[in-house]
């Protein structure tokens, strides 16, 4: 069974170049066209988080080091069951 994971994308550094989107082997990432980052870009986000295998490709190809990859399951946010 492949590893599972998640990514965090820092909106302050993401410039919406789409490199992570096109290089992701599982098509997990997409640009969030519904919002803008503080710098005026449509940042990347996990469109299909359930398919992430934590391979790290997105973090390696990101020219601005805006992505951090974690293995395992994401921690629960405050207020989630």
PDB file of N, CA and C in Angstrom:
ATOM      1  N   UNK A   1       0.853  -1.179   0.000  1.00  0.00           N
ATOM      2  CA  UNK A   1       0.000   0.000   0.000  1.00  0.00           C
ATOM      3  C   UNK A   1       0.895   1.238   0.000  1.00  0.00           C
ATOM      4  N   UNK A   2       0.637   2.183  -0.895  1.00  0.00           N
ATOM      5  CA  UNK A   2       1.481   3.382  -0.958  1.00  0.00           C
ATOM      6  C   UNK A   2       1.294   4.270   0.269  1.00  0.00           C
ATOM      7  N   UNK A   3       2.330   5.006   0.566  1.00  0.00           N
ATOM      8  CA  UNK A   3       2.275   5.940   1.688  1.00  0.00           C
ATOM      9  C   UNK A   3       1.214   7.001   1.439  1.00  0.00           C
ATOM     10  N   UNK A   4       0.655   7.509   2.491  1.00  0.00           N
ATOM     11  CA  UNK A   4      -0.307   8.608   2.406  1.00  0.00           C
ATOM     12  C   UNK A   4       0.327   9.835   3.031  1.00  0.00           C
ATOM     13  N   UNK A   5      -0.122  10.979   2.610  1.00  0.00           N
ATOM     14  CA  UNK A   5       0.425  12.188   3.173  1.00  0.00           C
ATOM     15  C   UNK A   5      -0.396  13.398   2.812  1.00  0.00           C
ATOM     16  N   UNK A   6       0.185  14.560   3.091  1.00  0.00           N
ATOM     17  CA  UNK A   6      -0.462  15.825   2.747  1.00  0.00           C
ATOM     18  C   UNK A   6       0.612  16.868   2.550  1.00  0.00           C
ATOM     19  N   UNK A   7       0.227  17.971   1.926  1.00  0.00           N
ATOM     20  CA  UNK A   7       1.177  19.057   1.705  1.00  0.00           C
ATOM     21  C   UNK A   7       0.625  20.351   2.278  1.00  0.00           C
ATOM     22  N   UNK A   8       1.541  21.206   2.691  1.00  0.00           N
ATOM     23  CA  UNK A   8       1.187  22.570   3.078  1.00  0.00           C
ATOM     24  C   UNK A   8       1.837  23.484   2.063  1.00  0.00           C
ATOM     25  N   UNK A   9       1.067  24.428   1.549  1.00  0.00           N
ATOM     26  CA  UNK A   9       1.573  25.374   0.568  1.00  0.00           C
ATOM     27  C   UNK A   9       1.517  26.764   1.171  1.00  0.00           C
ATOM     28  N   UNK A  10       2.651  27.418   1.243  1.00  0.00           N
ATOM     29  CA  UNK A  10       2.752  28.752   1.816  1.00  0.00           C
ATOM     30  C   UNK A  10       2.320  29.774   0.762  1.00  0.00           C
ATOM     31  N   UNK A  11       1.176  30.394   0.984  1.00  0.00           N
ATOM     32  CA  UNK A  11       0.628  31.364   0.025  1.00  0.00           C
ATOM     33  C   UNK A  11       1.536  32.575  -0.180  1.00  0.00           C
ATOM     34  N   UNK A  12       2.372  32.885   0.794  1.00  0.00           N
ATOM     35  CA  UNK A  12       3.263  34.037   0.642  1.00  0.00           C
ATOM     36  C   UNK A  12       4.361  33.776  -0.380  1.00  0.00           C
ATOM     37  N   UNK A  13       4.690  32.514  -0.607  1.00  0.00           N
ATOM     38  CA  UNK A  13       5.745  32.177  -1.555  1.00  0.00           C
ATOM     39  C   UNK A  13       5.228  31.630  -2.885  1.00  0.00           C
ATOM     40  N   UNK A  14       4.039  31.022  -2.904  1.00  0.00           N
ATOM     41  CA  UNK A  14       3.497  30.430  -4.129  1.00  0.00           C
ATOM     42  C   UNK A  14       3.165  31.528  -5.132  1.00  0.00           C
ATOM     43  N   UNK A  15       3.721  31.396  -6.346  1.00  0.00           N
ATOM     44  CA  UNK A  15       3.446  32.376  -7.394  1.00  0.00           C
ATOM     45  C   UNK A  15       2.637  31.775  -8.541  1.00  0.00           C
ATOM     46  N   UNK A  16       1.965  30.673  -8.270  1.00  0.00           N
ATOM     47  CA  UNK A  16       1.046  30.047  -9.224  1.00  0.00           C
ATOM     48  C   UNK A  16       1.711  29.675 -10.536  1.00  0.00           C
ATOM     49  N   UNK A  17       2.938  29.175 -10.472  1.00  0.00           N
ATOM     50  CA  UNK A  17       3.647  28.798 -11.703  1.00  0.00           C
ATOM     51  C   UNK A  17       3.137  27.481 -12.272  1.00  0.00           C
ATOM     52  N   UNK A  18       2.409  26.712 -11.489  1.00  0.00           N
ATOM     53  CA  UNK A  18       1.807  25.430 -11.860  1.00  0.00           C
ATOM     54  C   UNK A  18       2.797  24.285 -12.034  1.00  0.00           C
ATOM     55  N   UNK A  19       4.047  24.470 -11.678  1.00  0.00           N
ATOM     56  CA  UNK A  19       5.012  23.388 -11.821  1.00  0.00           C
ATOM     57  C   UNK A  19       4.606  22.195 -10.965  1.00  0.00           C
ATOM     58  N   UNK A  20       4.191  22.449  -9.742  1.00  0.00           N
ATOM     59  CA  UNK A  20       3.765  21.358  -8.856  1.00  0.00           C
ATOM     60  C   UNK A  20       2.521  20.664  -9.397  1.00  0.00           C
ATOM     61  N   UNK A  21       1.631  21.429  -9.992  1.00  0.00           N
ATOM     62  CA  UNK A  21       0.381  20.877 -10.527  1.00  0.00           C
ATOM     63  C   UNK A  21       0.672  19.920 -11.674  1.00  0.00           C
ATOM     64  N   UNK A  22       1.534  20.330 -12.587  1.00  0.00           N
ATOM     65  CA  UNK A  22       1.811  19.499 -13.762  1.00  0.00           C
ATOM     66  C   UNK A  22       2.712  18.310 -13.458  1.00  0.00           C
ATOM     67  N   UNK A  23       3.555  18.416 -12.415  1.00  0.00           N
ATOM     68  CA  UNK A  23       4.489  17.330 -12.111  1.00  0.00           C
ATOM     69  C   UNK A  23       3.975  16.321 -11.094  1.00  0.00           C
ATOM     70  N   UNK A  24       2.873  16.599 -10.442  1.00  0.00           N
ATOM     71  CA  UNK A  24       2.329  15.667  -9.447  1.00  0.00           C
ATOM     72  C   UNK A  24       1.880  14.376 -10.144  1.00  0.00           C
ATOM     73  N   UNK A  25       2.440  13.214  -9.757  1.00  0.00           N
ATOM     74  CA  UNK A  25       2.084  11.966 -10.431  1.00  0.00           C
ATOM     75  C   UNK A  25       0.652  11.496 -10.166  1.00  0.00           C
ATOM     76  N   UNK A  26       0.017  12.015  -9.145  1.00  0.00           N
ATOM     77  CA  UNK A  26      -1.347  11.604  -8.790  1.00  0.00           C
ATOM     78  C   UNK A  26      -2.384  12.689  -9.052  1.00  0.00           C
ATOM     79  N   UNK A  27      -1.994  13.787  -9.684  1.00  0.00           N
ATOM     80  CA  UNK A  27      -2.914  14.904  -9.974  1.00  0.00           C
ATOM     81  C   UNK A  27      -3.648  15.388  -8.729  1.00  0.00           C
ATOM     82  N   UNK A  28      -2.905  15.532  -7.657  1.00  0.00           N
ATOM     83  CA  UNK A  28      -3.480  15.947  -6.379  1.00  0.00           C
ATOM     84  C   UNK A  28      -3.661  17.461  -6.310  1.00  0.00           C
ATOM     85  N   UNK A  29      -2.754  18.208  -6.924  1.00  0.00           N
ATOM     86  CA  UNK A  29      -2.734  19.667  -6.781  1.00  0.00           C
ATOM     87  C   UNK A  29      -3.426  20.386  -7.933  1.00  0.00           C
ATOM     88  N   UNK A  30      -3.920  21.575  -7.639  1.00  0.00           N
ATOM     89  CA  UNK A  30      -4.543  22.453  -8.634  1.00  0.00           C
ATOM     90  C   UNK A  30      -4.377  23.890  -8.146  1.00  0.00           C
ATOM     91  N   UNK A  31      -4.631  24.831  -9.032  1.00  0.00           N
ATOM     92  CA  UNK A  31      -4.628  26.232  -8.615  1.00  0.00           C
ATOM     93  C   UNK A  31      -6.006  26.593  -8.111  1.00  0.00           C
ATOM     94  N   UNK A  32      -6.059  27.327  -7.020  1.00  0.00           N
ATOM     95  CA  UNK A  32      -7.319  27.741  -6.407  1.00  0.00           C
ATOM     96  C   UNK A  32      -7.782  29.035  -7.071  1.00  0.00           C
ATOM     97  N   UNK A  33      -8.621  28.902  -8.067  1.00  0.00           N
ATOM     98  CA  UNK A  33      -9.083  30.062  -8.820  1.00  0.00           C
ATOM     99  C   UNK A  33     -10.134  30.878  -8.076  1.00  0.00           C
ATOM    100  N   UNK A  34     -10.538  30.418  -6.888  1.00  0.00           N
ATOM    101  CA  UNK A  34     -11.562  31.134  -6.129  1.00  0.00           C
ATOM    102  C   UNK A  34     -10.987  32.149  -5.145  1.00  0.00           C
ATOM    103  N   UNK A  35      -9.651  32.167  -5.006  1.00  0.00           N
ATOM    104  CA  UNK A  35      -9.060  33.128  -4.076  1.00  0.00           C
ATOM    105  C   UNK A  35      -7.691  33.575  -4.568  1.00  0.00           C
ATOM    106  N   UNK A  36      -7.243  34.692  -3.990  1.00  0.00           N
ATOM    107  CA  UNK A  36      -5.934  35.257  -4.313  1.00  0.00           C
ATOM    108  C   UNK A  36      -5.042  35.238  -3.077  1.00  0.00           C
ATOM    109  N   UNK A  37      -3.758  35.031  -3.314  1.00  0.00           N
ATOM    110  CA  UNK A  37      -2.784  35.093  -2.228  1.00  0.00           C
ATOM    111  C   UNK A  37      -2.505  36.559  -1.908  1.00  0.00           C
ATOM    112  N   UNK A  38      -1.789  36.833  -0.821  1.00  0.00           N
ATOM    113  CA  UNK A  38      -1.447  38.220  -0.498  1.00  0.00           C
ATOM    114  C   UNK A  38      -0.657  38.927  -1.608  1.00  0.00           C
ATOM    115  N   UNK A  39       0.021  38.141  -2.455  1.00  0.00           N
ATOM    116  CA  UNK A  39       0.792  38.725  -3.553  1.00  0.00           C
ATOM    117  C   UNK A  39      -0.006  38.809  -4.855  1.00  0.00           C
ATOM    118  N   UNK A  40      -1.275  38.383  -4.825  1.00  0.00           N
ATOM    119  CA  UNK A  40      -2.144  38.521  -5.987  1.00  0.00           C
ATOM    120  C   UNK A  40      -2.158  37.344  -6.942  1.00  0.00           C
ATOM    121  N   UNK A  41      -1.719  36.174  -6.493  1.00  0.00           N
ATOM    122  CA  UNK A  41      -1.722  34.970  -7.326  1.00  0.00           C
ATOM    123  C   UNK A  41      -2.814  34.013  -6.867  1.00  0.00           C
ATOM    124  N   UNK A  42      -3.218  33.112  -7.755  1.00  0.00           N
ATOM    125  CA  UNK A  42      -4.115  32.020  -7.392  1.00  0.00           C
ATOM    126  C   UNK A  42      -3.221  30.881  -6.902  1.00  0.00           C
ATOM    127  N   UNK A  43      -3.129  30.653  -5.603  1.00  0.00           N
ATOM    128  CA  UNK A  43      -2.174  29.673  -5.077  1.00  0.00           C
ATOM    129  C   UNK A  43      -2.594  28.225  -5.349  1.00  0.00           C
ATOM    130  N   UNK A  44      -1.621  27.352  -5.299  1.00  0.00           N
ATOM    131  CA  UNK A  44      -1.892  25.920  -5.425  1.00  0.00           C
ATOM    132  C   UNK A  44      -2.549  25.427  -4.142  1.00  0.00           C
ATOM    133  N   UNK A  45      -3.297  24.340  -4.256  1.00  0.00           N
ATOM    134  CA  UNK A  45      -3.922  23.703  -3.090  1.00  0.00           C
ATOM    135  C   UNK A  45      -4.129  22.233  -3.406  1.00  0.00           C
ATOM    136  N   UNK A  46      -4.466  21.460  -2.387  1.00  0.00           N
ATOM    137  CA  UNK A  46      -4.713  20.033  -2.576  1.00  0.00           C
ATOM    138  C   UNK A  46      -6.158  19.834  -3.032  1.00  0.00           C
ATOM    139  N   UNK A  47      -6.349  19.627  -4.317  1.00  0.00           N
ATOM    140  CA  UNK A  47      -7.682  19.427  -4.866  1.00  0.00           C
ATOM    141  C   UNK A  47      -8.192  18.014  -4.571  1.00  0.00           C
ATOM    142  N   UNK A  48      -7.271  17.049  -4.495  1.00  0.00           N
ATOM    143  CA  UNK A  48      -7.638  15.660  -4.224  1.00  0.00           C
ATOM    144  C   UNK A  48      -6.734  15.108  -3.121  1.00  0.00           C
ATOM    145  N   UNK A  49      -6.895  15.570  -1.890  1.00  0.00           N
ATOM    146  CA  UNK A  49      -5.995  15.177  -0.804  1.00  0.00           C
ATOM    147  C   UNK A  49      -5.974  13.680  -0.526  1.00  0.00           C
ATOM    148  N   UNK A  50      -7.060  12.994  -0.802  1.00  0.00           N
ATOM    149  CA  UNK A  50      -7.117  11.558  -0.533  1.00  0.00           C
ATOM    150  C   UNK A  50      -6.173  10.752  -1.423  1.00  0.00           C
ATOM    151  N   UNK A  51      -5.691  11.348  -2.519  1.00  0.00           N
ATOM    152  CA  UNK A  51      -4.805  10.644  -3.442  1.00  0.00           C
ATOM    153  C   UNK A  51      -3.325  10.931  -3.217  1.00  0.00           C
ATOM    154  N   UNK A  52      -2.989  11.804  -2.278  1.00  0.00           N
ATOM    155  CA  UNK A  52      -1.595  12.167  -2.045  1.00  0.00           C
ATOM    156  C   UNK A  52      -0.822  10.972  -1.490  1.00  0.00           C
ATOM    157  N   UNK A  53       0.352  10.693  -2.081  1.00  0.00           N
ATOM    158  CA  UNK A  53       1.202   9.593  -1.621  1.00  0.00           C
ATOM    159  C   UNK A  53       2.478  10.109  -0.963  1.00  0.00           C
ATOM    160  N   UNK A  54       2.566  11.403  -0.736  1.00  0.00           N
ATOM    161  CA  UNK A  54       3.715  12.029  -0.065  1.00  0.00           C
ATOM    162  C   UNK A  54       5.029  11.723  -0.768  1.00  0.00           C
ATOM    163  N   UNK A  55       5.014  11.737  -2.096  1.00  0.00           N
ATOM    164  CA  UNK A  55       6.225  11.419  -2.854  1.00  0.00           C
ATOM    165  C   UNK A  55       7.258  12.543  -2.791  1.00  0.00           C
ATOM    166  N   UNK A  56       6.792  13.774  -2.565  1.00  0.00           N
ATOM    167  CA  UNK A  56       7.704  14.908  -2.447  1.00  0.00           C
ATOM    168  C   UNK A  56       8.056  15.593  -3.748  1.00  0.00           C
ATOM    169  N   UNK A  57       7.528  15.119  -4.858  1.00  0.00           N
ATOM    170  CA  UNK A  57       7.841  15.718  -6.152  1.00  0.00           C
ATOM    171  C   UNK A  57       7.479  17.195  -6.188  1.00  0.00           C
ATOM    172  N   UNK A  58       6.331  17.544  -5.664  1.00  0.00           N
ATOM    173  CA  UNK A  58       5.882  18.935  -5.702  1.00  0.00           C
ATOM    174  C   UNK A  58       6.863  19.851  -4.965  1.00  0.00           C
ATOM    175  N   UNK A  59       7.349  19.406  -3.825  1.00  0.00           N
ATOM    176  CA  UNK A  59       8.288  20.217  -3.039  1.00  0.00           C
ATOM    177  C   UNK A  59       9.624  20.371  -3.763  1.00  0.00           C
ATOM    178  N   UNK A  60      10.064  19.323  -4.438  1.00  0.00           N
ATOM    179  CA  UNK A  60      11.348  19.360  -5.143  1.00  0.00           C
ATOM    180  C   UNK A  60      11.296  20.298  -6.348  1.00  0.00           C
ATOM    181  N   UNK A  61      10.193  20.279  -7.094  1.00  0.00           N
ATOM    182  CA  UNK A  61      10.121  21.084  -8.314  1.00  0.00           C
ATOM    183  C   UNK A  61       9.699  22.531  -8.063  1.00  0.00           C
ATOM    184  N   UNK A  62       9.190  22.847  -6.876  1.00  0.00           N
ATOM    185  CA  UNK A  62       8.741  24.215  -6.590  1.00  0.00           C
ATOM    186  C   UNK A  62       9.938  25.166  -6.582  1.00  0.00           C
ATOM    187  N   UNK A  63       9.966  26.144  -7.484  1.00  0.00           N
ATOM    188  CA  UNK A  63      11.108  27.048  -7.561  1.00  0.00           C
ATOM    189  C   UNK A  63      11.199  28.026  -6.391  1.00  0.00           C
ATOM    190  N   UNK A  64      10.145  28.156  -5.617  1.00  0.00           N
ATOM    191  CA  UNK A  64      10.122  29.112  -4.514  1.00  0.00           C
ATOM    192  C   UNK A  64      10.082  28.455  -3.136  1.00  0.00           C
ATOM    193  N   UNK A  65      10.273  27.145  -3.080  1.00  0.00           N
ATOM    194  CA  UNK A  65      10.253  26.399  -1.812  1.00  0.00           C
ATOM    195  C   UNK A  65       9.002  26.705  -0.989  1.00  0.00           C
ATOM    196  N   UNK A  66       7.863  26.744  -1.662  1.00  0.00           N
ATOM    197  CA  UNK A  66       6.603  27.080  -1.001  1.00  0.00           C
ATOM    198  C   UNK A  66       5.862  25.860  -0.461  1.00  0.00           C
ATOM    199  N   UNK A  67       6.382  24.649  -0.721  1.00  0.00           N
ATOM    200  CA  UNK A  67       5.651  23.429  -0.390  1.00  0.00           C
ATOM    201  C   UNK A  67       6.423  22.588   0.613  1.00  0.00           C
ATOM    202  N   UNK A  68       5.698  22.112   1.629  1.00  0.00           N
ATOM    203  CA  UNK A  68       6.244  21.166   2.595  1.00  0.00           C
ATOM    204  C   UNK A  68       5.380  19.916   2.535  1.00  0.00           C
ATOM    205  N   UNK A  69       6.016  18.754   2.433  1.00  0.00           N
ATOM    206  CA  UNK A  69       5.309  17.480   2.328  1.00  0.00           C
ATOM    207  C   UNK A  69       5.432  16.729   3.652  1.00  0.00           C
ATOM    208  N   UNK A  70       4.322  16.147   4.079  1.00  0.00           N
ATOM    209  CA  UNK A  70       4.274  15.361   5.308  1.00  0.00           C
ATOM    210  C   UNK A  70       3.730  13.977   5.001  1.00  0.00           C
ATOM    211  N   UNK A  71       4.293  12.963   5.650  1.00  0.00           N
ATOM    212  CA  UNK A  71       3.754  11.605   5.542  1.00  0.00           C
ATOM    213  C   UNK A  71       2.800  11.371   6.695  1.00  0.00           C
ATOM    214  N   UNK A  72       1.822  10.519   6.456  1.00  0.00           N
ATOM    215  CA  UNK A  72       0.841  10.210   7.485  1.00  0.00           C
ATOM    216  C   UNK A  72      -0.464  10.933   7.217  1.00  0.00           C
ATOM    217  N   UNK A  73      -1.248  11.070   8.246  1.00  0.00           N
ATOM    218  CA  UNK A  73      -2.527  11.768   8.109  1.00  0.00           C
ATOM    219  C   UNK A  73      -2.410  13.157   8.721  1.00  0.00           C
ATOM    220  N   UNK A  74      -3.063  14.136   8.134  1.00  0.00           N
ATOM    221  CA  UNK A  74      -2.983  15.485   8.688  1.00  0.00           C
ATOM    222  C   UNK A  74      -3.596  15.551  10.075  1.00  0.00           C
ATOM    223  N   UNK A  75      -3.024  16.406  10.928  1.00  0.00           N
ATOM    224  CA  UNK A  75      -3.606  16.554  12.265  1.00  0.00           C
ATOM    225  C   UNK A  75      -4.992  17.159  12.184  1.00  0.00           C
ATOM    226  N   UNK A  76      -5.816  16.805  13.117  1.00  0.00           N
ATOM    227  CA  UNK A  76      -7.168  17.372  13.152  1.00  0.00           C
ATOM    228  C   UNK A  76      -7.094  18.839  13.520  1.00  0.00           C
ATOM    229  N   UNK A  77      -7.925  19.624  12.853  1.00  0.00           N
ATOM    230  CA  UNK A  77      -7.990  21.044  13.177  1.00  0.00           C
ATOM    231  C   UNK A  77      -8.862  21.226  14.405  1.00  0.00           C
ATOM    232  N   UNK A  78      -8.652  22.332  15.082  1.00  0.00           N
ATOM    233  CA  UNK A  78      -9.411  22.632  16.283  1.00  0.00           C
ATOM    234  C   UNK A  78     -10.905  22.643  15.968  1.00  0.00           C
ATOM    235  N   UNK A  79     -11.672  21.895  16.729  1.00  0.00           N
ATOM    236  CA  UNK A  79     -13.111  21.860  16.534  1.00  0.00           C
ATOM    237  C   UNK A  79     -13.581  20.679  15.688  1.00  0.00           C
ATOM    238  N   UNK A  80     -12.654  19.922  15.068  1.00  0.00           N
ATOM    239  CA  UNK A  80     -13.052  18.749  14.284  1.00  0.00           C
ATOM    240  C   UNK A  80     -13.219  17.557  15.209  1.00  0.00           C
ATOM    241  N   UNK A  81     -14.115  16.670  14.809  1.00  0.00           N
ATOM    242  CA  UNK A  81     -14.343  15.454  15.608  1.00  0.00           C
ATOM    243  C   UNK A  81     -13.343  14.380  15.303  1.00  0.00           C
TER     244      UNK A  81
END
